[in-house]
Amino acid sequence: QVQLVESGGGLVQAGGSLRLSCAASGRTFSNYAMGWFRQAPGKEREFMAAISRSGGSTYYADSVKGRFTISRDNAKNTVYLQMNSLKPEDTAVYYCAADPILHTIIVATTDKDRYPEVWGQGTLVTVSL
């Protein structure tokens, strides 16, 4: 398995931007599809974005489409989440996840029979008014 470590979270004003990073170590990074999820206090974990192993395909939740961009650099074993036009409701702990199967990432929060193989520890994003 890979091990995942997120970074880049912090406090930002509404309308601002942040870029989250998720660094992978261990097994071959390019063998894994990657995704970003978030969990706000008192709420269930929510799918944000997913990217295929090559980076050629990306998928987004409707709530972040057009504001967030997922990308990966397989040479650096890192996946990114660029977050623009942040809103207070984007406040949450953001997690990256890895699984060999892209579909597992995409349906992780809607299909109880599919759960990504590896999760990071999370990074907190707080968006203030």
Foldseek 3Di string as FASTA:
>chain_A
DKAKAKDWADEAAAQAKTKMKIAIDDDQLLLKKKFKWWDAPPGDIGGAKIAHSVRPDMDGDPVQVPFWDWGDDSVRRMIMIIGGRDDQVVWTWMKMAIASDRVLSVCVPPDVVRHGPYMYPTDTHGYHD
